[in-house]
Protein backbone atom coordinates (compact mmCIF):
# COMPACT_ATOMS: atom_id res chain seq x y z
CA UNK A 1 -3.95 38.76 -58.09
CA UNK A 2 -5.04 35.70 -56.04
CA UNK A 3 -3.06 34.98 -52.78
CA UNK A 4 -3.34 31.43 -51.68
CA UNK A 5 -4.23 30.88 -48.12
CA UNK A 6 -2.69 27.43 -47.96
CA UNK A 7 0.81 27.12 -46.60
CA UNK A 8 3.60 26.98 -48.74
CA UNK A 9 5.63 24.05 -49.13
CA UNK A 10 8.81 24.22 -47.05
CA UNK A 11 7.21 26.95 -44.77
CA UNK A 12 7.97 24.64 -41.73
CA UNK A 13 4.28 23.62 -41.20
CA UNK A 14 4.29 19.87 -40.66
CA UNK A 15 1.42 18.27 -43.09
CA UNK A 16 -1.22 16.60 -41.49
CA UNK A 17 -0.71 12.79 -41.47
CA UNK A 18 -3.62 10.71 -42.28
CA UNK A 19 -4.97 8.11 -39.42
CA UNK A 20 -4.43 4.73 -40.53
CA UNK A 21 -7.42 3.10 -41.86
CA UNK A 22 -9.35 1.01 -39.21
CA UNK A 23 -8.09 3.01 -36.17
CA UNK A 24 -10.44 4.83 -33.98
CA UNK A 25 -9.61 8.30 -33.04
CA UNK A 26 -7.54 9.16 -29.75
CA UNK A 27 -10.59 10.41 -27.78
CA UNK A 28 -12.86 7.16 -28.69
CA UNK A 29 -9.63 5.22 -27.80
CA UNK A 30 -9.57 6.73 -24.47
CA UNK A 31 -13.29 6.43 -23.78
CA UNK A 32 -13.16 2.78 -24.73
CA UNK A 33 -10.09 1.89 -22.40
CA UNK A 34 -12.16 3.84 -19.46
CA UNK A 35 -15.06 1.66 -20.04
CA UNK A 36 -13.07 -1.74 -19.98
CA UNK A 37 -11.42 -0.65 -17.03
CA UNK A 38 -14.70 0.13 -15.17
CA UNK A 39 -16.07 -3.07 -16.56
CA UNK A 40 -13.39 -5.01 -14.76
CA UNK A 41 -13.71 -2.73 -11.64
CA UNK A 42 -17.41 -2.94 -11.21
CA UNK A 43 -17.72 -6.53 -9.81
CA UNK A 44 -15.51 -5.43 -7.03
CA UNK A 45 -17.22 -2.14 -6.34
CA UNK A 46 -20.37 -4.31 -6.14
CA UNK A 47 -19.18 -6.86 -3.83
CA UNK A 48 -17.42 -4.62 -1.43
CA UNK A 49 -20.33 -2.11 -1.63
CA UNK A 50 -22.89 -4.86 -0.93
CA UNK A 51 -20.99 -6.81 1.93
CA UNK A 52 -18.82 -4.16 3.49
CA UNK A 53 -20.32 -0.74 3.05
CA UNK A 54 -23.92 -1.37 3.10
CA UNK A 55 -23.81 -3.32 6.49
CA UNK A 56 -22.01 -0.61 8.03
CA UNK A 57 -24.11 2.06 6.95
CA UNK A 58 -27.01 -0.22 8.29
CA UNK A 59 -25.24 -0.67 11.36
CA UNK A 60 -24.44 2.92 12.00
CA UNK A 61 -28.21 3.23 11.44
CA UNK A 62 -28.89 0.78 13.92
CA UNK A 63 -27.30 3.02 16.78
CA UNK A 64 -30.19 5.43 16.97
CA UNK A 65 -32.61 2.53 17.40
CA UNK A 66 -33.98 0.22 20.34
CA UNK A 67 -33.50 -3.23 18.64
CA UNK A 68 -33.36 -6.63 19.95
CA UNK A 69 -32.11 -8.17 16.92
CA UNK A 70 -35.31 -9.95 16.27
CA UNK A 71 -38.34 -7.53 16.14
CA UNK A 72 -38.33 -4.49 13.71
CA UNK A 73 -36.00 -1.62 15.06
CA UNK A 74 -37.73 1.39 16.99
CA UNK A 75 -36.08 4.66 16.37
CA UNK A 76 -35.28 6.39 19.83
CA UNK A 77 -32.86 9.09 18.50
CA UNK A 78 -30.03 9.78 20.69
CA UNK A 79 -31.43 7.77 23.68
CA UNK A 80 -28.56 5.34 23.30
CA UNK A 81 -25.94 7.72 23.50
CA UNK A 82 -27.36 9.55 26.51
CA UNK A 83 -27.76 6.35 28.37
CA UNK A 84 -24.15 5.62 27.41
CA UNK A 85 -22.86 8.73 28.93
CA UNK A 86 -24.55 7.75 32.23
CA UNK A 87 -23.33 4.18 32.13
CA UNK A 88 -20.59 3.77 34.69
CA UNK A 89 -19.28 0.34 33.14
CA UNK A 90 -18.99 1.98 29.60
CA UNK A 91 -17.01 4.94 30.87
CA UNK A 92 -14.87 2.80 32.97
CA UNK A 93 -14.32 0.69 29.96
CA UNK A 94 -12.91 3.69 27.87
CA UNK A 95 -10.37 4.20 30.78
CA UNK A 96 -9.33 0.83 30.49
CA UNK A 97 -8.77 1.17 26.96
CA UNK A 98 -7.07 4.39 27.52
CA UNK A 99 -4.45 2.68 29.69
CA UNK A 100 -4.23 -0.42 27.13
CA UNK A 101 -3.26 2.20 24.49
CA UNK A 102 -0.96 4.39 26.18
CA UNK A 103 1.08 1.13 27.14
CA UNK A 104 0.11 -1.19 24.46
CA UNK A 105 0.78 0.78 21.39
CA UNK A 106 4.21 2.20 22.26
CA UNK A 107 5.60 -0.90 23.73
CA UNK A 108 4.47 -2.85 20.70
CA UNK A 109 5.49 -0.67 17.97
CA UNK A 110 9.04 0.05 19.82
CA UNK A 111 9.42 -3.75 20.21
CA UNK A 112 8.95 -4.46 16.48
CA UNK A 113 10.85 -1.48 15.39
CA UNK A 114 13.76 -2.57 17.50
CA UNK A 115 13.85 -6.08 16.03
CA UNK A 116 13.60 -4.69 12.42
CA UNK A 117 16.54 -2.56 13.17
CA UNK A 118 18.48 -5.41 14.66
CA UNK A 119 17.89 -7.77 11.76
CA UNK A 120 18.56 -4.86 9.07
CA UNK A 121 22.27 -4.35 10.77
CA UNK A 122 23.02 -8.01 10.41
CA UNK A 123 25.85 -8.30 8.00
CA UNK A 124 24.84 -11.75 6.53
CA UNK A 125 21.98 -11.50 4.27
CA UNK A 126 21.03 -15.21 5.01
CA UNK A 127 21.01 -14.56 8.65
CA UNK A 128 18.43 -11.52 7.72
CA UNK A 129 16.20 -13.95 5.87
CA UNK A 130 16.28 -16.60 8.35
CA UNK A 131 15.45 -14.15 11.14
CA UNK A 132 12.32 -12.86 8.97
CA UNK A 133 11.16 -16.23 8.57
CA UNK A 134 11.35 -16.88 12.14
CA UNK A 135 9.23 -14.05 13.23
CA UNK A 136 7.00 -14.56 10.18
CA UNK A 137 5.96 -18.19 11.50
CA UNK A 138 4.10 -16.31 14.43
CA UNK A 139 1.79 -15.06 11.41
CA UNK A 140 0.81 -18.76 10.87
CA UNK A 141 -0.43 -19.23 14.64
CA UNK A 142 -4.02 -18.75 15.56
CA UNK A 143 -4.24 -15.72 18.20
CA UNK A 144 -6.51 -17.80 20.33
CA UNK A 145 -3.72 -20.39 20.68
CA UNK A 146 -1.38 -17.86 22.18
CA UNK A 147 -4.24 -16.35 24.61
CA UNK A 148 -4.87 -19.76 25.91
CA UNK A 149 -1.13 -20.58 26.29
CA UNK A 150 -1.18 -17.19 28.53
CA UNK A 151 -3.86 -18.24 30.24
CA UNK A 152 -1.91 -21.21 31.62
CA UNK A 153 0.97 -18.90 32.38
CA UNK A 154 -1.21 -16.90 34.82
CA UNK A 155 -2.72 -20.04 36.35
CA UNK A 156 -1.91 -20.27 40.17
CA UNK A 157 1.42 -22.04 40.42
CA UNK A 158 1.65 -21.54 36.74
CA UNK A 159 4.89 -20.37 34.57
CA UNK A 160 4.74 -16.79 36.07
CA UNK A 161 4.56 -18.15 39.65
CA UNK A 162 7.26 -20.60 39.22
CA UNK A 163 9.70 -17.99 37.50
CA UNK A 164 9.08 -15.66 40.83
CA UNK A 165 9.60 -18.38 43.21
CA UNK A 166 12.92 -19.40 41.38
CA UNK A 167 14.05 -15.89 41.53
CA UNK A 168 12.97 -15.27 45.53
CA UNK A 169 10.03 -13.52 44.85
CA UNK A 170 7.46 -15.97 45.78
CA UNK A 171 5.66 -13.60 48.04
CA UNK A 172 4.10 -11.87 44.61
CA UNK A 173 2.43 -15.16 43.81
CA UNK A 174 -1.24 -14.36 43.09
CA UNK A 175 -4.27 -15.35 40.72
CA UNK A 176 -3.25 -12.85 38.31
CA UNK A 177 -6.49 -12.71 36.30
CA UNK A 178 -8.63 -13.03 39.27
CA UNK A 179 -6.92 -10.14 41.18
CA UNK A 180 -8.59 -6.82 40.57
CA UNK A 181 -5.27 -5.00 40.98
CA UNK A 182 -3.35 -7.39 38.33
CA UNK A 183 -5.98 -8.34 35.90
CA UNK A 184 -5.63 -5.48 33.56
CA UNK A 185 -1.95 -5.35 33.51
CA UNK A 186 -1.96 -9.06 32.93
CA UNK A 187 -4.12 -8.65 29.85
CA UNK A 188 -1.70 -5.74 28.66
CA UNK A 189 1.50 -7.66 29.39
CA UNK A 190 0.35 -10.78 27.34
CA UNK A 191 2.44 -11.34 24.19
CA UNK A 192 5.91 -10.49 25.75
CA UNK A 193 8.14 -9.56 24.04
CA UNK A 194 5.22 -7.88 21.89
CA UNK A 195 7.08 -8.20 18.76
CA UNK A 196 4.22 -8.03 15.95
CA UNK A 197 5.57 -9.85 12.97
CA UNK A 198 3.51 -7.86 10.38
CA UNK A 199 4.83 -4.41 11.91
CA UNK A 200 8.15 -5.71 12.06
CA UNK A 201 8.16 -6.82 8.52
CA UNK A 202 6.60 -3.29 7.36
CA UNK A 203 9.32 -1.58 9.28
CA UNK A 204 12.43 -3.90 7.91
CA UNK A 205 10.80 -2.96 4.37
CA UNK A 206 10.98 0.67 5.07
CA UNK A 207 14.32 0.57 6.17
CA UNK A 208 15.50 -1.59 3.20
CA UNK A 209 14.00 1.37 0.90
CA UNK A 210 16.53 3.72 2.32
CA UNK A 211 19.16 4.74 -0.28
CA UNK A 212 22.49 3.35 0.32
CA UNK A 213 24.17 6.83 -0.43
CA UNK A 214 22.42 8.40 2.56
CA UNK A 215 23.63 5.59 5.00
CA UNK A 216 27.12 6.03 3.40
CA UNK A 217 27.17 9.69 4.16
CA UNK A 218 26.01 9.19 7.57
CA UNK A 219 29.13 6.70 8.30
CA UNK A 220 31.51 9.05 6.40
CA UNK A 221 30.42 12.14 8.79
CA UNK A 222 31.09 9.62 11.87
CA UNK A 223 27.13 9.34 12.90
CA UNK A 224 26.70 7.06 15.83
CA UNK A 225 24.38 4.28 15.73
CA UNK A 226 21.90 5.98 17.86
CA UNK A 227 21.83 9.13 16.23
CA UNK A 228 21.63 7.58 12.79
CA UNK A 229 18.59 5.85 14.06
CA UNK A 230 17.20 8.82 15.27
CA UNK A 231 18.33 11.51 12.45
CA UNK A 232 18.46 9.37 9.62
CA UNK A 233 16.52 6.00 9.51
CA UNK A 234 13.42 7.09 11.76
CA UNK A 235 12.57 10.16 9.57
CA UNK A 236 12.92 8.05 6.48
CA UNK A 237 10.31 5.47 7.46
CA UNK A 238 7.57 8.10 8.62
CA UNK A 239 5.21 6.50 6.11
CA UNK A 240 5.59 3.00 7.90
CA UNK A 241 5.30 4.28 10.92
CA UNK A 242 2.23 6.08 10.46
CA UNK A 243 0.61 2.98 8.70
CA UNK A 244 1.65 1.03 11.86
CA UNK A 245 0.17 3.52 14.21
CA UNK A 246 -3.25 3.80 12.41
CA UNK A 247 -3.49 0.04 12.28
CA UNK A 248 -2.61 -0.29 15.92
CA UNK A 249 -5.35 2.34 17.08
CA UNK A 250 -7.75 0.34 15.29
CA UNK A 251 -6.43 -3.15 16.15
CA UNK A 252 -6.53 -2.24 19.88
CA UNK A 253 -10.35 -0.91 19.70
CA UNK A 254 -11.25 -3.88 18.29
CA UNK A 255 -9.11 -6.41 20.56
CA UNK A 256 -11.90 -8.52 21.92
CA UNK A 257 -10.69 -12.02 22.27
CA UNK A 258 -8.09 -11.42 25.30
CA UNK A 259 -10.63 -10.19 27.84
CA UNK A 260 -13.63 -12.21 26.40
CA UNK A 261 -11.70 -15.59 26.90
CA UNK A 262 -9.85 -14.88 30.02
CA UNK A 263 -11.90 -12.48 32.30
CA UNK A 264 -15.08 -11.54 30.74
CA UNK A 265 -14.85 -8.13 31.98
CA UNK A 266 -14.06 -9.10 35.64
CA UNK A 267 -13.06 -9.18 38.33
CA UNK A 268 -15.13 -6.32 39.66
CA UNK A 269 -15.23 -4.61 36.36
CA UNK A 270 -11.68 -4.03 36.05
CA UNK A 271 -11.01 -5.57 32.64
CA UNK A 272 -14.06 -4.20 30.60
CA UNK A 273 -13.38 -2.49 27.12
CA UNK A 274 -15.55 -0.97 25.08
CA UNK A 275 -15.65 -3.87 22.28
CA UNK A 276 -16.28 -6.46 25.07
CA UNK A 277 -19.06 -4.27 26.52
CA UNK A 278 -20.65 -4.13 22.95
CA UNK A 279 -20.58 -7.75 22.49
CA UNK A 280 -22.11 -8.45 25.92
CA UNK A 281 -24.90 -6.17 25.02
CA UNK A 282 -25.52 -7.50 21.83
CA UNK A 283 -25.17 -11.32 22.35
CA UNK A 284 -25.99 -11.57 26.12
CA UNK A 285 -28.53 -9.02 26.64
CA UNK A 286 -30.22 -8.98 23.25
CA UNK A 287 -29.64 -4.82 23.19
CA UNK A 288 -28.62 -4.78 19.37
CA UNK A 289 -29.24 -0.90 19.31
CA UNK A 290 -27.12 -0.21 22.44
CA UNK A 291 -24.43 -2.34 21.34
CA UNK A 292 -24.49 -0.56 17.87
CA UNK A 293 -24.28 2.90 19.48
CA UNK A 294 -21.10 1.60 21.21
CA UNK A 295 -19.66 0.47 17.83
CA UNK A 296 -20.65 3.84 16.51
CA UNK A 297 -18.58 5.82 19.13
CA UNK A 298 -15.73 3.16 18.73
CA UNK A 299 -15.92 4.38 14.97
CA UNK A 300 -15.71 8.05 15.46
CA UNK A 301 -12.76 7.68 17.81
CA UNK A 302 -10.80 5.57 15.59
CA UNK A 303 -11.56 7.83 12.88
CA UNK A 304 -10.56 10.97 14.60
CA UNK A 305 -7.31 9.52 15.95
CA UNK A 306 -6.55 8.18 12.52
CA UNK A 307 -7.14 11.56 10.99
CA UNK A 308 -4.90 13.19 13.76
CA UNK A 309 -2.19 10.78 12.92
CA UNK A 310 -2.39 11.49 9.28
CA UNK A 311 -2.35 15.26 9.91
CA UNK A 312 0.60 15.39 12.22
CA UNK A 313 2.80 12.24 11.15
CA UNK A 314 3.82 13.48 7.55
CA UNK A 315 6.42 12.18 5.43
CA UNK A 316 8.93 14.81 3.71
CA UNK A 317 7.21 14.43 0.38
CA UNK A 318 3.84 14.95 1.98
CA UNK A 319 5.10 17.85 3.68
CA UNK A 320 6.59 19.42 0.57
CA UNK A 321 3.15 18.83 -1.38
CA UNK A 322 1.27 20.51 1.17
CA UNK A 323 3.72 23.73 0.99
CA UNK A 324 3.55 23.84 -2.53
């Protein structure tokens, strides 16, 4: 007796369907799509690697050399970093940067968040639109224009001195940018009311993404406006807060133009910041290797602070994924 090994008709086994003529197998189609994707991405990777990453890697390598920007660099190892540890101007510039960060970042983020909340709470969609447009127009203004405008404000007899005289505080008139006691504070105070248009738009977009059901539930529960901000809205825009905080840290370490254009590190070395000291060493004293060592330290500091921010400022989704 011969028993057939082929499944019987109607035994519940689906018959194998033939592939249409001219159709490639699924694996080959997947490989083909992957190769096409890489072909489109390859020019981007080449250009980014050539003009962004490769110069950055070369710059980091230059931090360990003595180089004037013209002759061949000479390897000196950690000599530049040892010199920085004994450079009083450089150490003082980091202290100035610390004060600038501790004041400027919270104030700037807080002002931008406050404006975003106020615009978001407006009942009229049209009013929200026009306020967004009004604040966004500042993005079209070159930053140097604002810096030069504040330079006029700080002049002796300028806008600030005039305002102080009008309110009976004329005795506090001073050369704000030439006084060692006020120069750094004057630079930090620049940009009042410190509303960053980009940060405000990011916060506003985050507020708009909050589901309406959550806000309705908070209203039904009788949550006050302040508690709604603190317990509902802020936790739900942690992602936006994290992005703006990281960008603020990077931006403030690279904030070159205000001290360069207004004080050049003076008076009495009270407004030096690391990026300005790096610029001066590179282009005034032709100490490229020394300047690149400062850039290396700024890179490490920014990276560490960014990683700390990403580690401790997590959204609920990131926390759940980490626990899982």
